[in-house]
Amino acid sequence: MENTENASEFVDDNGVETKKRSTIGIHIFYIVLILLLLGSVSYLFNQNKQVTETLHICDTSKNNLSVEREQMIHSLDSIAEQLKLANTSNGQLSDEIKAKLEEISALKGKINSMRVNLDSLSSYRREIESVRKVTIHYLTQIDSLNKSNMRLVDKNNELSTKVEEQLKVDVEKTKQLEDLSTKVEKASVMKAAGIVSIGINSKSKPVTKAKKVVKVKTSFTIVENNVIDAGQKMVYLRIIRADGACLTADETNTFKYENQSIMYTEKTEVDYQNKDVDVTIYYNATDDITPGTYTIQLFCDGKSIGQSQVTFDK
């Protein structure tokens, strides 16, 4: 009995011990499993956080790159605008500027169509910087040319002013010379003063009736003029009827006046020594003397030197 009870107690103790051990093992397994799960969750959480941060950084970088691309396009537009203005202000670099504007347009197309990444942006950034340097070079050249042109314009304006002033002086001098020439020309023409024509009858007496006139006597004085060259001067007399006919003894009696040959009535040669000299010319009339008013004209050296009138009655 005692042995049986002892054996039973022993079995019971071993069973309980085994159960305890089994329960502890399960607990340990769950604890390890929970720890593993917690570790996995923590790892996944950290991974997710890193991925999220990475995506955020990528989005930020992408946005920054997009903004920089827009800034590049704006910069290219600004450079192109400067070149267009420069091309308008100075035509000497027009071909080079046109080629550079085409290059800028092509570069803008590349930037707009490219996939956003650092390498491409860096490459285009270098190209834009190269274009900017060339633009600055052109603008410097154009500014220098514009300054040179301004200096030339100033000099031209100054020269134009001087030319205008000189022209005014020349015009004034020309006018003075023309006036002087006119005065000299007028002064160099002989003048006949005191021109008197009368009719003379067969007894050498003055008459006024046309039918009694056998001669027409014309007396005058060639006045002193120191401008005229002294010497022998031929003086021509024209007696013009009211109908415009010139009285003459010979229809071949002509002389040059204003590039034309005109008829004269009589002529006489005068020894002129730059002093007053009295002259008388006679015309032997025929039946060509009719009642009316006659115009008496005197010429010398192709110039008119005086004029008067005489009237013959019926």
Protein backbone atom coordinates (compact mmCIF):
# COMPACT_ATOMS: atom_id res chain seq x y z
CA MET A 1 0.00 0.00 0.00
CA GLU A 2 2.64 2.33 0.92
CA ASN A 3 4.60 1.48 -2.19
CA THR A 4 1.59 2.08 -4.32
CA GLU A 5 0.92 5.42 -2.76
CA ASN A 6 4.50 6.41 -3.09
CA ALA A 7 4.49 5.45 -6.71
CA SER A 8 1.32 7.41 -7.30
CA GLU A 9 2.72 10.47 -5.65
CA PHE A 10 5.82 10.18 -7.70
CA VAL A 11 3.84 9.98 -10.91
CA ASP A 12 1.79 12.91 -9.91
CA ASP A 13 4.83 14.96 -9.16
CA ASN A 14 6.43 14.10 -12.47
CA GLY A 15 3.25 14.96 -14.37
CA VAL A 16 2.93 18.27 -12.71
CA GLU A 17 6.56 18.98 -13.34
CA THR A 18 6.17 18.07 -16.99
CA LYS A 19 3.14 20.30 -17.38
CA LYS A 20 4.93 23.15 -15.74
CA ARG A 21 7.83 22.74 -18.08
CA SER A 22 5.50 22.56 -21.07
CA THR A 23 3.68 25.68 -19.99
CA ILE A 24 6.92 27.61 -19.52
CA GLY A 25 8.10 26.51 -22.98
CA ILE A 26 4.92 27.76 -24.57
CA HIS A 27 5.20 31.02 -22.74
CA ILE A 28 8.76 31.40 -23.84
CA PHE A 29 7.79 30.60 -27.43
CA TYR A 30 5.05 33.24 -27.37
CA ILE A 31 7.33 35.73 -25.78
CA VAL A 32 9.99 35.10 -28.45
CA LEU A 33 7.32 35.24 -31.15
CA ILE A 34 5.98 38.49 -29.76
CA LEU A 35 9.46 39.89 -29.57
CA LEU A 36 10.11 38.81 -33.15
CA LEU A 37 6.84 40.36 -34.26
CA LEU A 38 7.63 43.54 -32.38
CA GLY A 39 11.06 43.58 -34.01
CA SER A 40 9.56 43.02 -37.44
CA VAL A 41 6.98 45.72 -36.89
CA SER A 42 9.68 48.09 -35.69
CA TYR A 43 11.87 47.23 -38.67
CA LEU A 44 9.01 47.68 -41.10
CA PHE A 45 8.05 50.93 -39.42
CA ASN A 46 11.60 52.22 -39.74
CA GLN A 47 11.77 51.04 -43.34
CA ASN A 48 8.50 52.72 -44.12
CA LYS A 49 9.70 55.90 -42.46
CA GLN A 50 12.92 55.85 -44.48
CA VAL A 51 11.00 55.19 -47.69
CA THR A 52 8.62 58.03 -46.88
CA GLU A 53 11.50 60.37 -46.14
CA THR A 54 13.26 59.26 -49.31
CA LEU A 55 10.11 59.88 -51.35
CA HIS A 56 9.72 63.27 -49.70
CA ILE A 57 13.34 64.14 -50.51
CA CYS A 58 12.81 62.93 -54.09
CA ASP A 59 9.64 65.03 -54.42
CA THR A 60 11.42 68.05 -52.97
CA SER A 61 14.39 67.50 -55.29
CA LYS A 62 12.07 67.04 -58.22
CA ASN A 63 10.24 70.24 -57.37
CA ASN A 64 13.52 72.05 -56.90
CA LEU A 65 14.76 70.72 -60.22
CA SER A 66 11.53 71.77 -61.93
CA VAL A 67 11.83 75.23 -60.44
CA GLU A 68 15.43 75.43 -61.58
CA ARG A 69 14.39 74.31 -65.05
CA GLU A 70 11.80 77.08 -65.14
CA GLN A 71 14.45 79.52 -63.98
CA MET A 72 16.70 78.32 -66.81
CA ILE A 73 13.94 78.91 -69.35
CA HIS A 74 13.31 82.36 -67.88
CA SER A 75 17.03 83.11 -67.99
CA LEU A 76 17.19 82.04 -71.64
CA ASP A 77 14.17 84.23 -72.43
CA SER A 78 15.85 87.17 -70.73
CA ILE A 79 19.09 86.60 -72.68
CA ALA A 80 17.13 86.31 -75.93
CA GLU A 81 15.29 89.56 -75.17
CA GLN A 82 18.58 91.34 -74.54
CA LEU A 83 19.97 90.03 -77.82
CA LYS A 84 16.84 91.16 -79.71
CA LEU A 85 17.14 94.65 -78.27
CA ALA A 86 20.84 94.70 -79.09
CA ASN A 87 20.09 93.53 -82.63
CA THR A 88 17.59 96.37 -83.02
CA SER A 89 19.99 99.03 -81.78
CA ASN A 90 22.95 97.94 -83.87
CA GLY A 91 22.90 96.04 -87.15
CA GLN A 92 26.62 95.22 -87.37
CA LEU A 93 26.24 91.95 -85.39
CA SER A 94 22.82 90.95 -86.74
CA ASP A 95 23.93 87.66 -88.37
CA GLU A 96 25.81 86.48 -85.27
CA ILE A 97 22.97 87.48 -82.97
CA LYS A 98 20.43 85.71 -85.20
CA ALA A 99 22.47 82.49 -85.00
CA LYS A 100 22.75 82.83 -81.21
CA LEU A 101 18.97 83.35 -80.89
CA GLU A 102 18.40 80.14 -82.86
CA GLU A 103 20.80 78.35 -80.51
CA ILE A 104 18.88 79.66 -77.49
CA SER A 105 15.58 78.50 -79.00
CA ALA A 106 16.99 75.00 -79.56
CA LEU A 107 18.36 74.89 -76.01
CA LYS A 108 14.96 75.89 -74.60
CA GLY A 109 13.37 73.03 -76.56
CA LYS A 110 15.85 70.56 -75.08
CA ILE A 111 15.26 71.80 -71.52
CA ASN A 112 11.48 71.67 -71.89
CA SER A 113 11.48 68.12 -73.25
CA MET A 114 14.17 66.64 -70.98
CA ARG A 115 13.64 64.27 -68.06
CA VAL A 116 14.42 66.12 -64.85
CA ASN A 117 17.72 64.96 -63.34
CA LEU A 118 20.80 66.54 -61.88
CA ASP A 119 23.14 65.50 -64.67
CA SER A 120 21.01 67.00 -67.43
CA LEU A 121 20.43 70.20 -65.47
CA SER A 122 24.14 70.55 -64.80
CA SER A 123 24.87 70.12 -68.50
CA TYR A 124 22.26 72.69 -69.54
CA ARG A 125 23.37 75.03 -66.77
CA ARG A 126 26.84 75.01 -68.32
CA GLU A 127 25.38 75.71 -71.77
CA ILE A 128 23.30 78.59 -70.43
CA GLU A 129 26.35 80.06 -68.72
CA SER A 130 28.23 79.81 -72.04
CA VAL A 131 25.37 81.59 -73.84
CA ARG A 132 25.29 84.25 -71.12
CA LYS A 133 29.01 84.93 -71.54
CA VAL A 134 28.62 85.25 -75.31
CA THR A 135 25.66 87.59 -74.79
CA ILE A 136 27.69 89.75 -72.41
CA HIS A 137 30.45 89.82 -75.06
CA TYR A 138 27.96 90.93 -77.72
CA LEU A 139 26.41 93.53 -75.45
CA THR A 140 29.87 94.87 -74.59
CA GLN A 141 30.71 95.09 -78.28
CA ILE A 142 27.40 96.76 -79.10
CA ASP A 143 27.77 99.20 -76.21
CA SER A 144 31.22 100.08 -77.47
CA LEU A 145 29.89 100.49 -81.00
CA ASN A 146 26.98 102.59 -79.76
CA LYS A 147 29.36 104.83 -77.84
CA SER A 148 31.54 105.16 -80.93
CA ASN A 149 28.44 105.92 -82.99
CA MET A 150 27.35 108.52 -80.46
CA ARG A 151 30.76 110.14 -80.65
CA LEU A 152 30.52 110.10 -84.43
CA VAL A 153 27.01 111.53 -84.26
CA ASP A 154 28.23 114.27 -81.93
CA LYS A 155 31.12 115.01 -84.27
CA ASN A 156 28.79 114.94 -87.27
CA ASN A 157 26.39 117.27 -85.50
CA GLU A 158 29.26 119.55 -84.59
CA LEU A 159 30.56 119.37 -88.15
CA SER A 160 27.05 119.92 -89.54
CA THR A 161 26.68 122.96 -87.31
CA LYS A 162 30.01 124.30 -88.52
CA VAL A 163 29.06 123.51 -92.13
CA GLU A 164 25.71 125.25 -91.69
CA GLU A 165 27.45 128.24 -90.15
CA GLN A 166 30.00 128.23 -92.97
CA LEU A 167 27.19 127.90 -95.51
CA LYS A 168 25.48 130.91 -93.97
CA VAL A 169 28.76 132.80 -94.21
CA ASP A 170 29.25 131.59 -97.77
CA VAL A 171 25.70 132.51 -98.71
CA GLU A 172 26.19 135.93 -97.19
CA LYS A 173 29.53 136.32 -98.96
CA THR A 174 27.99 135.07 -102.20
CA LYS A 175 25.17 137.57 -101.82
CA GLN A 176 27.69 140.30 -101.10
CA LEU A 177 29.72 139.24 -104.12
CA GLU A 178 26.60 139.11 -106.27
CA ASP A 179 25.59 142.53 -105.03
CA LEU A 180 29.10 143.77 -105.64
CA SER A 181 29.14 142.12 -109.04
CA THR A 182 25.81 143.72 -109.85
CA LYS A 183 27.14 147.07 -108.67
CA VAL A 184 30.33 146.60 -110.64
CA GLU A 185 28.35 145.48 -113.66
CA LYS A 186 26.10 148.50 -113.36
CA ALA A 187 29.04 150.75 -112.67
CA SER A 188 30.93 149.37 -115.68
CA VAL A 189 28.13 150.46 -118.06
CA MET A 190 28.45 153.87 -119.66
CA LYS A 191 25.59 156.27 -119.08
CA ALA A 192 24.29 158.88 -121.49
CA ALA A 193 22.78 161.93 -119.81
CA GLY A 194 20.91 164.92 -121.19
CA ILE A 195 19.59 163.08 -124.26
CA VAL A 196 17.80 165.53 -126.55
CA SER A 197 16.52 164.82 -130.06
CA ILE A 198 15.16 167.56 -132.36
CA GLY A 199 14.07 167.85 -135.95
CA ILE A 200 16.07 170.08 -138.31
CA ASN A 201 14.87 171.51 -141.62
CA SER A 202 16.80 172.18 -144.77
CA LYS A 203 18.05 175.49 -143.35
CA SER A 204 19.46 173.71 -140.24
CA LYS A 205 16.74 175.26 -138.10
CA PRO A 206 14.87 173.30 -135.36
CA VAL A 207 11.36 172.28 -136.43
CA THR A 208 8.59 170.23 -134.88
CA LYS A 209 6.45 169.48 -137.91
CA ALA A 210 7.16 166.05 -139.33
CA LYS A 211 6.91 167.06 -142.99
CA LYS A 212 9.66 169.69 -142.57
CA VAL A 213 12.18 167.40 -140.84
CA VAL A 214 15.16 166.53 -143.04
CA LYS A 215 17.49 165.52 -140.19
CA VAL A 216 17.08 164.30 -136.65
CA LYS A 217 19.78 165.64 -134.35
CA THR A 218 20.42 163.73 -131.12
CA SER A 219 22.76 165.28 -128.54
CA PHE A 220 23.87 163.74 -125.24
CA THR A 221 26.75 163.52 -122.79
CA ILE A 222 28.54 160.29 -121.88
CA VAL A 223 29.26 160.85 -118.22
CA GLU A 224 32.51 160.22 -116.33
CA ASN A 225 33.08 156.65 -115.14
CA ASN A 226 36.48 155.46 -113.85
CA VAL A 227 35.43 151.81 -113.83
CA ILE A 228 35.16 151.62 -117.62
CA ASP A 229 38.28 151.05 -119.69
CA ALA A 230 39.24 154.13 -121.65
CA GLY A 231 39.48 154.00 -125.43
CA GLN A 232 37.46 154.12 -128.63
CA LYS A 233 33.78 153.33 -128.08
CA MET A 234 31.15 152.73 -130.78
CA VAL A 235 27.79 154.31 -129.86
CA TYR A 236 24.63 153.16 -131.69
CA LEU A 237 21.47 155.29 -132.10
CA ARG A 238 18.03 153.79 -132.62
CA ILE A 239 15.05 155.99 -133.56
CA ILE A 240 11.85 153.94 -133.11
CA ARG A 241 8.51 155.02 -134.62
CA ALA A 242 5.25 154.52 -132.77
CA ASP A 243 4.57 151.40 -134.88
CA GLY A 244 7.85 149.86 -133.61
CA ALA A 245 9.84 150.29 -136.85
CA CYS A 246 13.45 151.38 -136.51
CA LEU A 247 14.41 154.21 -138.88
CA THR A 248 17.56 153.43 -140.84
CA ALA A 249 19.30 154.40 -144.04
CA ASP A 250 20.45 150.80 -144.68
CA GLU A 251 18.71 147.60 -143.59
CA THR A 252 22.13 145.96 -143.11
CA ASN A 253 22.87 148.33 -140.23
CA THR A 254 22.83 145.86 -137.29
CA PHE A 255 24.74 145.25 -134.02
CA LYS A 256 24.73 142.62 -131.25
CA TYR A 257 22.51 143.17 -128.25
CA GLU A 258 21.64 140.41 -125.77
CA ASN A 259 22.87 137.73 -128.19
CA GLN A 260 20.68 139.07 -131.01
CA SER A 261 21.33 141.19 -134.06
CA ILE A 262 19.17 144.33 -134.01
CA MET A 263 18.93 147.25 -136.43
CA TYR A 264 20.34 150.68 -135.66
CA THR A 265 19.62 154.09 -137.18
CA GLU A 266 23.10 155.65 -137.02
CA LYS A 267 26.38 155.12 -135.18
CA THR A 268 29.41 157.15 -134.19
CA GLU A 269 32.80 156.37 -132.64
CA VAL A 270 33.71 158.19 -129.43
CA ASP A 271 37.16 158.59 -127.84
CA TYR A 272 36.27 157.98 -124.20
CA GLN A 273 38.88 158.85 -121.56
CA ASN A 274 36.79 158.29 -118.42
CA LYS A 275 35.61 161.89 -118.46
CA ASP A 276 32.40 163.58 -119.60
CA VAL A 277 32.25 163.78 -123.38
CA ASP A 278 29.57 165.47 -125.48
CA VAL A 279 28.32 163.54 -128.49
CA THR A 280 25.99 164.45 -131.38
CA ILE A 281 24.58 162.04 -133.94
CA TYR A 282 22.64 163.08 -137.07
CA TYR A 283 20.18 161.00 -139.03
CA ASN A 284 19.37 162.12 -142.56
CA ALA A 285 15.64 161.60 -142.74
CA THR A 286 13.63 160.79 -145.85
CA ASP A 287 9.91 160.48 -146.10
CA ASP A 288 9.99 158.05 -143.13
CA ILE A 289 9.36 160.87 -140.64
CA THR A 290 5.65 160.91 -139.87
CA PRO A 291 3.73 162.67 -137.10
CA GLY A 292 3.95 160.95 -133.76
CA THR A 293 6.15 160.21 -130.75
CA TYR A 294 9.52 158.55 -131.37
CA THR A 295 11.65 156.67 -128.86
CA ILE A 296 15.34 157.48 -128.87
CA GLN A 297 17.65 154.65 -127.70
CA LEU A 298 21.44 154.69 -127.23
CA PHE A 299 23.73 151.58 -126.95
CA CYS A 300 27.41 150.92 -126.34
CA ASP A 301 29.40 147.74 -125.72
CA GLY A 302 26.22 145.70 -126.05
CA LYS A 303 24.49 147.64 -123.26
CA SER A 304 21.70 150.20 -123.22
CA ILE A 305 23.17 153.52 -122.03
CA GLY A 306 20.14 155.82 -122.21
CA GLN A 307 16.72 156.59 -123.65
CA SER A 308 14.43 159.53 -124.36
CA GLN A 309 11.55 160.60 -126.63
CA VAL A 310 10.73 163.20 -129.24
CA THR A 311 7.40 164.15 -130.79
CA PHE A 312 6.81 165.50 -134.31
CA ASP A 313 3.58 167.28 -135.15
CA LYS A 314 1.56 167.29 -138.35
